[in-house]
Amino acid sequence: MFINFYDPDRKHPFYNMLSSLIFVNRDSFYHILYDAISEHPSYVILSDLNTESKLNIIDGMIKYFENKESYERCANLLIIKKNIKENAKD
C-alpha cells in the first residue's frame, strides 16, 4: 500500500506521530530526520520552505550531533547546509 506523505494540511496521522516523536524520543527523532535528509538532500535543498527555516533546522541537528560526538553526520549536514545557501531563492 502506498501512502502519500505529502499532505499540505498536515492531517495525516504520520505528521502527528513524527511531530510528537521529538518530545517522546529525541534521539530517534534526530536519527530519523538525519536519515531522511541525508538520503534525499534535494528534498530539503529544493523544498519551498524558506531558507532561514531550513538553516535553523540543520543548525539544530548539527548541535545535537556535536553533543553526541557524531562528527561525520555533522560534516554531512554542513555540506547540505552549504547547498541550501547556494540554492537560496529568498
PDB file of N, CA and C in Angstrom:
ATOM      1  N   MET A   1       0.840  -1.172   0.000  1.00  0.00           N
ATOM      2  CA  MET A   1       0.000   0.000   0.000  1.00  0.00           C
ATOM      3  C   MET A   1       0.891   1.243   0.000  1.00  0.00           C
ATOM      4  N   PHE A   2       0.600   2.167  -0.865  1.00  0.00           N
ATOM      5  CA  PHE A   2       1.365   3.401  -0.959  1.00  0.00           C
ATOM      6  C   PHE A   2       0.629   4.511  -0.216  1.00  0.00           C
ATOM      7  N   ILE A   3       1.347   5.193   0.647  1.00  0.00           N
ATOM      8  CA  ILE A   3       0.769   6.331   1.368  1.00  0.00           C
ATOM      9  C   ILE A   3       1.502   7.577   0.922  1.00  0.00           C
ATOM     10  N   ASN A   4       0.757   8.553   0.493  1.00  0.00           N
ATOM     11  CA  ASN A   4       1.342   9.825   0.099  1.00  0.00           C
ATOM     12  C   ASN A   4       1.512  10.681   1.348  1.00  0.00           C
ATOM     13  N   PHE A   5       2.763  10.859   1.772  1.00  0.00           N
ATOM     14  CA  PHE A   5       3.019  11.622   2.989  1.00  0.00           C
ATOM     15  C   PHE A   5       3.029  13.129   2.737  1.00  0.00           C
ATOM     16  N   TYR A   6       2.934  13.521   1.475  1.00  0.00           N
ATOM     17  CA  TYR A   6       2.833  14.951   1.203  1.00  0.00           C
ATOM     18  C   TYR A   6       1.390  15.364   1.425  1.00  0.00           C
ATOM     19  N   ASP A   7       1.150  15.988   2.506  1.00  0.00           N
ATOM     20  CA  ASP A   7      -0.192  16.425   2.880  1.00  0.00           C
ATOM     21  C   ASP A   7      -0.086  17.874   3.314  1.00  0.00           C
ATOM     22  N   PRO A   8      -0.412  18.821   2.429  1.00  0.00           N
ATOM     23  CA  PRO A   8      -0.234  20.236   2.771  1.00  0.00           C
ATOM     24  C   PRO A   8      -1.025  20.685   4.005  1.00  0.00           C
ATOM     25  N   ASP A   9      -2.083  19.956   4.331  1.00  0.00           N
ATOM     26  CA  ASP A   9      -2.884  20.323   5.509  1.00  0.00           C
ATOM     27  C   ASP A   9      -2.388  19.651   6.778  1.00  0.00           C
ATOM     28  N   ARG A  10      -1.397  18.774   6.639  1.00  0.00           N
ATOM     29  CA  ARG A  10      -0.800  18.046   7.767  1.00  0.00           C
ATOM     30  C   ARG A  10      -1.853  17.287   8.582  1.00  0.00           C
ATOM     31  N   LYS A  11      -2.816  16.674   7.888  1.00  0.00           N
ATOM     32  CA  LYS A  11      -3.878  15.939   8.573  1.00  0.00           C
ATOM     33  C   LYS A  11      -3.577  14.448   8.691  1.00  0.00           C
ATOM     34  N   HIS A  12      -2.562  13.977   7.987  1.00  0.00           N
ATOM     35  CA  HIS A  12      -2.236  12.554   8.023  1.00  0.00           C
ATOM     36  C   HIS A  12      -1.658  12.197   9.397  1.00  0.00           C
ATOM     37  N   PRO A  13      -2.022  11.057   9.955  1.00  0.00           N
ATOM     38  CA  PRO A  13      -1.510  10.670  11.289  1.00  0.00           C
ATOM     39  C   PRO A  13       0.010  10.615  11.369  1.00  0.00           C
ATOM     40  N   PHE A  14       0.663  10.410  10.234  1.00  0.00           N
ATOM     41  CA  PHE A  14       2.126  10.371  10.205  1.00  0.00           C
ATOM     42  C   PHE A  14       2.716  11.661  10.772  1.00  0.00           C
ATOM     43  N   TYR A  15       2.147  12.794  10.424  1.00  0.00           N
ATOM     44  CA  TYR A  15       2.665  14.075  10.897  1.00  0.00           C
ATOM     45  C   TYR A  15       2.516  14.215  12.403  1.00  0.00           C
ATOM     46  N   ASN A  16       1.398  13.755  12.946  1.00  0.00           N
ATOM     47  CA  ASN A  16       1.213  13.804  14.394  1.00  0.00           C
ATOM     48  C   ASN A  16       2.233  12.924  15.106  1.00  0.00           C
ATOM     49  N   MET A  17       2.473  11.746  14.544  1.00  0.00           N
ATOM     50  CA  MET A  17       3.437  10.834  15.142  1.00  0.00           C
ATOM     51  C   MET A  17       4.843  11.434  15.102  1.00  0.00           C
ATOM     52  N   LEU A  18       5.232  11.952  13.940  1.00  0.00           N
ATOM     53  CA  LEU A  18       6.573  12.497  13.793  1.00  0.00           C
ATOM     54  C   LEU A  18       6.776  13.734  14.665  1.00  0.00           C
ATOM     55  N   SER A  19       5.778  14.613  14.705  1.00  0.00           N
ATOM     56  CA  SER A  19       5.938  15.832  15.493  1.00  0.00           C
ATOM     57  C   SER A  19       5.993  15.546  16.988  1.00  0.00           C
ATOM     58  N   SER A  20       5.345  14.497  17.442  1.00  0.00           N
ATOM     59  CA  SER A  20       5.404  14.168  18.870  1.00  0.00           C
ATOM     60  C   SER A  20       6.658  13.376  19.225  1.00  0.00           C
ATOM     61  N   LEU A  21       7.311  12.784  18.233  1.00  0.00           N
ATOM     62  CA  LEU A  21       8.492  11.963  18.489  1.00  0.00           C
ATOM     63  C   LEU A  21       9.621  12.762  19.130  1.00  0.00           C
ATOM     64  N   ILE A  22       9.756  14.028  18.794  1.00  0.00           N
ATOM     65  CA  ILE A  22      10.835  14.840  19.374  1.00  0.00           C
ATOM     66  C   ILE A  22      10.673  14.963  20.892  1.00  0.00           C
ATOM     67  N   PHE A  23       9.440  14.908  21.378  1.00  0.00           N
ATOM     68  CA  PHE A  23       9.207  15.018  22.820  1.00  0.00           C
ATOM     69  C   PHE A  23       9.297  13.663  23.511  1.00  0.00           C
ATOM     70  N   VAL A  24       8.938  12.617  22.798  1.00  0.00           N
ATOM     71  CA  VAL A  24       8.916  11.275  23.376  1.00  0.00           C
ATOM     72  C   VAL A  24      10.289  10.625  23.320  1.00  0.00           C
ATOM     73  N   ASN A  25      10.955  10.751  22.168  1.00  0.00           N
ATOM     74  CA  ASN A  25      12.256  10.120  21.995  1.00  0.00           C
ATOM     75  C   ASN A  25      13.109  10.984  21.077  1.00  0.00           C
ATOM     76  N   ARG A  26      13.778  11.933  21.667  1.00  0.00           N
ATOM     77  CA  ARG A  26      14.574  12.922  20.928  1.00  0.00           C
ATOM     78  C   ARG A  26      15.648  12.255  20.059  1.00  0.00           C
ATOM     79  N   ASP A  27      16.310  11.221  20.582  1.00  0.00           N
ATOM     80  CA  ASP A  27      17.349  10.535  19.818  1.00  0.00           C
ATOM     81  C   ASP A  27      16.774   9.937  18.529  1.00  0.00           C
ATOM     82  N   SER A  28      15.660   9.233  18.644  1.00  0.00           N
ATOM     83  CA  SER A  28      15.032   8.635  17.466  1.00  0.00           C
ATOM     84  C   SER A  28      14.613   9.704  16.469  1.00  0.00           C
ATOM     85  N   PHE A  29      14.079  10.809  16.968  1.00  0.00           N
ATOM     86  CA  PHE A  29      13.648  11.895  16.092  1.00  0.00           C
ATOM     87  C   PHE A  29      14.811  12.393  15.238  1.00  0.00           C
ATOM     88  N   TYR A  30      15.923  12.715  15.875  1.00  0.00           N
ATOM     89  CA  TYR A  30      17.059  13.255  15.125  1.00  0.00           C
ATOM     90  C   TYR A  30      17.672  12.215  14.181  1.00  0.00           C
ATOM     91  N   HIS A  31      17.691  10.966  14.577  1.00  0.00           N
ATOM     92  CA  HIS A  31      18.249   9.928  13.705  1.00  0.00           C
ATOM     93  C   HIS A  31      17.347   9.690  12.492  1.00  0.00           C
ATOM     94  N   ILE A  32      16.051   9.674  12.697  1.00  0.00           N
ATOM     95  CA  ILE A  32      15.114   9.508  11.579  1.00  0.00           C
ATOM     96  C   ILE A  32      15.199  10.711  10.643  1.00  0.00           C
ATOM     97  N   LEU A  33      15.228  11.903  11.210  1.00  0.00           N
ATOM     98  CA  LEU A  33      15.326  13.112  10.399  1.00  0.00           C
ATOM     99  C   LEU A  33      16.639  13.129   9.619  1.00  0.00           C
ATOM    100  N   TYR A  34      17.728  12.767  10.273  1.00  0.00           N
ATOM    101  CA  TYR A  34      19.024  12.728   9.591  1.00  0.00           C
ATOM    102  C   TYR A  34      18.998  11.723   8.436  1.00  0.00           C
ATOM    103  N   ASP A  35      18.467  10.540   8.683  1.00  0.00           N
ATOM    104  CA  ASP A  35      18.412   9.523   7.630  1.00  0.00           C
ATOM    105  C   ASP A  35      17.619  10.031   6.431  1.00  0.00           C
ATOM    106  N   ALA A  36      16.496  10.659   6.687  1.00  0.00           N
ATOM    107  CA  ALA A  36      15.665  11.170   5.593  1.00  0.00           C
ATOM    108  C   ALA A  36      16.387  12.270   4.821  1.00  0.00           C
ATOM    109  N   ILE A  37      17.004  13.197   5.534  1.00  0.00           N
ATOM    110  CA  ILE A  37      17.690  14.317   4.889  1.00  0.00           C
ATOM    111  C   ILE A  37      18.930  13.845   4.133  1.00  0.00           C
ATOM    112  N   SER A  38      19.688  12.944   4.721  1.00  0.00           N
ATOM    113  CA  SER A  38      20.929  12.513   4.067  1.00  0.00           C
ATOM    114  C   SER A  38      20.663  11.614   2.861  1.00  0.00           C
ATOM    115  N   GLU A  39      19.572  10.874   2.891  1.00  0.00           N
ATOM    116  CA  GLU A  39      19.246  10.018   1.751  1.00  0.00           C
ATOM    117  C   GLU A  39      18.598  10.796   0.608  1.00  0.00           C
ATOM    118  N   HIS A  40      17.937  11.895   0.932  1.00  0.00           N
ATOM    119  CA  HIS A  40      17.232  12.694  -0.081  1.00  0.00           C
ATOM    120  C   HIS A  40      17.480  14.186   0.155  1.00  0.00           C
ATOM    121  N   PRO A  41      18.728  14.628   0.080  1.00  0.00           N
ATOM    122  CA  PRO A  41      19.016  16.035   0.379  1.00  0.00           C
ATOM    123  C   PRO A  41      18.323  17.013  -0.565  1.00  0.00           C
ATOM    124  N   SER A  42      18.058  16.603  -1.788  1.00  0.00           N
ATOM    125  CA  SER A  42      17.411  17.526  -2.728  1.00  0.00           C
ATOM    126  C   SER A  42      16.009  17.907  -2.262  1.00  0.00           C
ATOM    127  N   TYR A  43      15.338  17.029  -1.511  1.00  0.00           N
ATOM    128  CA  TYR A  43      14.016  17.374  -0.976  1.00  0.00           C
ATOM    129  C   TYR A  43      14.109  18.579  -0.054  1.00  0.00           C
ATOM    130  N   VAL A  44      15.184  18.636   0.701  1.00  0.00           N
ATOM    131  CA  VAL A  44      15.379  19.756   1.627  1.00  0.00           C
ATOM    132  C   VAL A  44      15.899  20.976   0.877  1.00  0.00           C
ATOM    133  N   ILE A  45      16.901  20.764   0.058  1.00  0.00           N
ATOM    134  CA  ILE A  45      17.552  21.869  -0.644  1.00  0.00           C
ATOM    135  C   ILE A  45      16.568  22.602  -1.548  1.00  0.00           C
ATOM    136  N   LEU A  46      15.729  21.857  -2.247  1.00  0.00           N
ATOM    137  CA  LEU A  46      14.823  22.455  -3.224  1.00  0.00           C
ATOM    138  C   LEU A  46      13.401  22.665  -2.718  1.00  0.00           C
ATOM    139  N   SER A  47      13.135  22.329  -1.464  1.00  0.00           N
ATOM    140  CA  SER A  47      11.777  22.484  -0.942  1.00  0.00           C
ATOM    141  C   SER A  47      11.385  23.955  -0.885  1.00  0.00           C
ATOM    142  N   ASP A  48      10.087  24.200  -0.764  1.00  0.00           N
ATOM    143  CA  ASP A  48       9.606  25.577  -0.735  1.00  0.00           C
ATOM    144  C   ASP A  48       9.631  26.196   0.669  1.00  0.00           C
ATOM    145  N   LEU A  49      10.131  25.473   1.642  1.00  0.00           N
ATOM    146  CA  LEU A  49      10.327  26.037   2.978  1.00  0.00           C
ATOM    147  C   LEU A  49      11.360  27.155   2.879  1.00  0.00           C
ATOM    148  N   ASN A  50      11.151  28.245   3.597  1.00  0.00           N
ATOM    149  CA  ASN A  50      12.087  29.368   3.455  1.00  0.00           C
ATOM    150  C   ASN A  50      13.485  28.980   3.953  1.00  0.00           C
ATOM    151  N   THR A  51      14.463  29.619   3.370  1.00  0.00           N
ATOM    152  CA  THR A  51      15.866  29.282   3.620  1.00  0.00           C
ATOM    153  C   THR A  51      16.226  29.390   5.095  1.00  0.00           C
ATOM    154  N   GLU A  52      15.766  30.434   5.750  1.00  0.00           N
ATOM    155  CA  GLU A  52      16.096  30.623   7.171  1.00  0.00           C
ATOM    156  C   GLU A  52      15.621  29.442   8.012  1.00  0.00           C
ATOM    157  N   SER A  53      14.418  28.950   7.743  1.00  0.00           N
ATOM    158  CA  SER A  53      13.895  27.806   8.498  1.00  0.00           C
ATOM    159  C   SER A  53      14.714  26.553   8.229  1.00  0.00           C
ATOM    160  N   LYS A  54      15.070  26.331   6.963  1.00  0.00           N
ATOM    161  CA  LYS A  54      15.897  25.167   6.626  1.00  0.00           C
ATOM    162  C   LYS A  54      17.223  25.222   7.387  1.00  0.00           C
ATOM    163  N   LEU A  55      17.847  26.401   7.375  1.00  0.00           N
ATOM    164  CA  LEU A  55      19.145  26.542   8.038  1.00  0.00           C
ATOM    165  C   LEU A  55      19.022  26.372   9.545  1.00  0.00           C
ATOM    166  N   ASN A  56      17.938  26.865  10.127  1.00  0.00           N
ATOM    167  CA  ASN A  56      17.718  26.702  11.569  1.00  0.00           C
ATOM    168  C   ASN A  56      17.577  25.224  11.932  1.00  0.00           C
ATOM    169  N   ILE A  57      16.861  24.480  11.104  1.00  0.00           N
ATOM    170  CA  ILE A  57      16.684  23.047  11.356  1.00  0.00           C
ATOM    171  C   ILE A  57      18.028  22.327  11.256  1.00  0.00           C
ATOM    172  N   ILE A  58      18.778  22.614  10.195  1.00  0.00           N
ATOM    173  CA  ILE A  58      20.091  21.975  10.009  1.00  0.00           C
ATOM    174  C   ILE A  58      21.030  22.349  11.158  1.00  0.00           C
ATOM    175  N   ASP A  59      21.030  23.618  11.571  1.00  0.00           N
ATOM    176  CA  ASP A  59      21.878  24.045  12.692  1.00  0.00           C
ATOM    177  C   ASP A  59      21.519  23.313  13.978  1.00  0.00           C
ATOM    178  N   GLY A  60      20.229  23.126  14.220  1.00  0.00           N
ATOM    179  CA  GLY A  60      19.797  22.375  15.407  1.00  0.00           C
ATOM    180  C   GLY A  60      20.265  20.938  15.360  1.00  0.00           C
ATOM    181  N   MET A  61      20.221  20.357  14.170  1.00  0.00           N
ATOM    182  CA  MET A  61      20.691  18.979  14.017  1.00  0.00           C
ATOM    183  C   MET A  61      22.196  18.897  14.222  1.00  0.00           C
ATOM    184  N   ILE A  62      22.925  19.868  13.691  1.00  0.00           N
ATOM    185  CA  ILE A  62      24.382  19.880  13.875  1.00  0.00           C
ATOM    186  C   ILE A  62      24.724  19.974  15.359  1.00  0.00           C
ATOM    187  N   LYS A  63      24.043  20.847  16.063  1.00  0.00           N
ATOM    188  CA  LYS A  63      24.289  20.994  17.504  1.00  0.00           C
ATOM    189  C   LYS A  63      24.010  19.677  18.237  1.00  0.00           C
ATOM    190  N   TYR A  64      22.901  19.040  17.882  1.00  0.00           N
ATOM    191  CA  TYR A  64      22.556  17.763  18.508  1.00  0.00           C
ATOM    192  C   TYR A  64      23.658  16.720  18.271  1.00  0.00           C
ATOM    193  N   PHE A  65      24.077  16.577  17.006  1.00  0.00           N
ATOM    194  CA  PHE A  65      25.078  15.552  16.690  1.00  0.00           C
ATOM    195  C   PHE A  65      26.473  15.911  17.209  1.00  0.00           C
ATOM    196  N   GLU A  66      26.772  17.199  17.350  1.00  0.00           N
ATOM    197  CA  GLU A  66      28.037  17.583  18.000  1.00  0.00           C
ATOM    198  C   GLU A  66      28.048  17.109  19.442  1.00  0.00           C
ATOM    199  N   ASN A  67      26.929  17.297  20.140  1.00  0.00           N
ATOM    200  CA  ASN A  67      26.838  16.845  21.533  1.00  0.00           C
ATOM    201  C   ASN A  67      26.973  15.328  21.650  1.00  0.00           C
ATOM    202  N   LYS A  68      26.574  14.615  20.606  1.00  0.00           N
ATOM    203  CA  LYS A  68      26.695  13.151  20.584  1.00  0.00           C
ATOM    204  C   LYS A  68      28.042  12.705  20.014  1.00  0.00           C
ATOM    205  N   GLU A  69      28.897  13.679  19.649  1.00  0.00           N
ATOM    206  CA  GLU A  69      30.210  13.430  19.053  1.00  0.00           C
ATOM    207  C   GLU A  69      30.110  12.599  17.776  1.00  0.00           C
ATOM    208  N   SER A  70      29.080  12.868  17.010  1.00  0.00           N
ATOM    209  CA  SER A  70      28.867  12.194  15.729  1.00  0.00           C
ATOM    210  C   SER A  70      29.291  13.165  14.623  1.00  0.00           C
ATOM    211  N   TYR A  71      30.598  13.313  14.498  1.00  0.00           N
ATOM    212  CA  TYR A  71      31.153  14.365  13.638  1.00  0.00           C
ATOM    213  C   TYR A  71      30.992  14.084  12.148  1.00  0.00           C
ATOM    214  N   GLU A  72      30.912  12.820  11.761  1.00  0.00           N
ATOM    215  CA  GLU A  72      30.676  12.506  10.350  1.00  0.00           C
ATOM    216  C   GLU A  72      29.299  13.017   9.917  1.00  0.00           C
ATOM    217  N   ARG A  73      28.325  12.852  10.784  1.00  0.00           N
ATOM    218  CA  ARG A  73      26.992  13.370  10.477  1.00  0.00           C
ATOM    219  C   ARG A  73      27.010  14.892  10.414  1.00  0.00           C
ATOM    220  N   CYS A  74      27.753  15.508  11.312  1.00  0.00           N
ATOM    221  CA  CYS A  74      27.878  16.972  11.282  1.00  0.00           C
ATOM    222  C   CYS A  74      28.465  17.429   9.950  1.00  0.00           C
ATOM    223  N   ALA A  75      29.488  16.716   9.487  1.00  0.00           N
ATOM    224  CA  ALA A  75      30.130  17.074   8.216  1.00  0.00           C
ATOM    225  C   ALA A  75      29.142  16.951   7.062  1.00  0.00           C
ATOM    226  N   ASN A  76      28.350  15.900   7.057  1.00  0.00           N
ATOM    227  CA  ASN A  76      27.347  15.728   6.005  1.00  0.00           C
ATOM    228  C   ASN A  76      26.293  16.835   6.060  1.00  0.00           C
ATOM    229  N   LEU A  77      25.888  17.197   7.252  1.00  0.00           N
ATOM    230  CA  LEU A  77      24.902  18.269   7.410  1.00  0.00           C
ATOM    231  C   LEU A  77      25.469  19.615   6.978  1.00  0.00           C
ATOM    232  N   LEU A  78      26.756  19.835   7.217  1.00  0.00           N
ATOM    233  CA  LEU A  78      27.383  21.084   6.764  1.00  0.00           C
ATOM    234  C   LEU A  78      27.403  21.173   5.238  1.00  0.00           C
ATOM    235  N   ILE A  79      27.591  20.050   4.572  1.00  0.00           N
ATOM    236  CA  ILE A  79      27.539  20.030   3.108  1.00  0.00           C
ATOM    237  C   ILE A  79      26.132  20.380   2.626  1.00  0.00           C
ATOM    238  N   ILE A  80      25.139  19.804   3.257  1.00  0.00           N
ATOM    239  CA  ILE A  80      23.752  20.095   2.894  1.00  0.00           C
ATOM    240  C   ILE A  80      23.437  21.563   3.173  1.00  0.00           C
ATOM    241  N   LYS A  81      23.937  22.073   4.292  1.00  0.00           N
ATOM    242  CA  LYS A  81      23.725  23.486   4.631  1.00  0.00           C
ATOM    243  C   LYS A  81      24.336  24.392   3.561  1.00  0.00           C
ATOM    244  N   LYS A  82      25.533  24.053   3.110  1.00  0.00           N
ATOM    245  CA  LYS A  82      26.187  24.827   2.051  1.00  0.00           C
ATOM    246  C   LYS A  82      25.340  24.814   0.777  1.00  0.00           C
ATOM    247  N   ASN A  83      24.815  23.643   0.427  1.00  0.00           N
ATOM    248  CA  ASN A  83      23.967  23.526  -0.759  1.00  0.00           C
ATOM    249  C   ASN A  83      22.674  24.322  -0.626  1.00  0.00           C
ATOM    250  N   ILE A  84      22.125  24.367   0.565  1.00  0.00           N
ATOM    251  CA  ILE A  84      20.917  25.172   0.800  1.00  0.00           C
ATOM    252  C   ILE A  84      21.230  26.641   0.533  1.00  0.00           C
ATOM    253  N   LYS A  85      22.353  27.112   1.062  1.00  0.00           N
ATOM    254  CA  LYS A  85      22.730  28.512   0.874  1.00  0.00           C
ATOM    255  C   LYS A  85      22.976  28.826  -0.608  1.00  0.00           C
ATOM    256  N   GLU A  86      23.620  27.904  -1.315  1.00  0.00           N
ATOM    257  CA  GLU A  86      23.892  28.111  -2.732  1.00  0.00           C
ATOM    258  C   GLU A  86      22.628  28.150  -3.591  1.00  0.00           C
ATOM    259  N   ASN A  87      21.591  27.447  -3.144  1.00  0.00           N
ATOM    260  CA  ASN A  87      20.349  27.383  -3.909  1.00  0.00           C
ATOM    261  C   ASN A  87      19.259  28.288  -3.341  1.00  0.00           C
ATOM    262  N   ALA A  88      19.625  29.159  -2.416  1.00  0.00           N
ATOM    263  CA  ALA A  88      18.644  30.047  -1.771  1.00  0.00           C
ATOM    264  C   ALA A  88      18.011  30.978  -2.805  1.00  0.00           C
ATOM    265  N   LYS A  89      16.697  31.094  -2.701  1.00  0.00           N
ATOM    266  CA  LYS A  89      15.954  31.978  -3.598  1.00  0.00           C
ATOM    267  C   LYS A  89      15.287  33.125  -2.854  1.00  0.00           C
ATOM    268  N   ASP A  90      15.363  33.094  -1.531  1.00  0.00           N
ATOM    269  CA  ASP A  90      14.727  34.172  -0.767  1.00  0.00           C
ATOM    270  C   ASP A  90      15.729  34.936   0.062  1.00  0.00           C
TER     271      ASP A  90
END
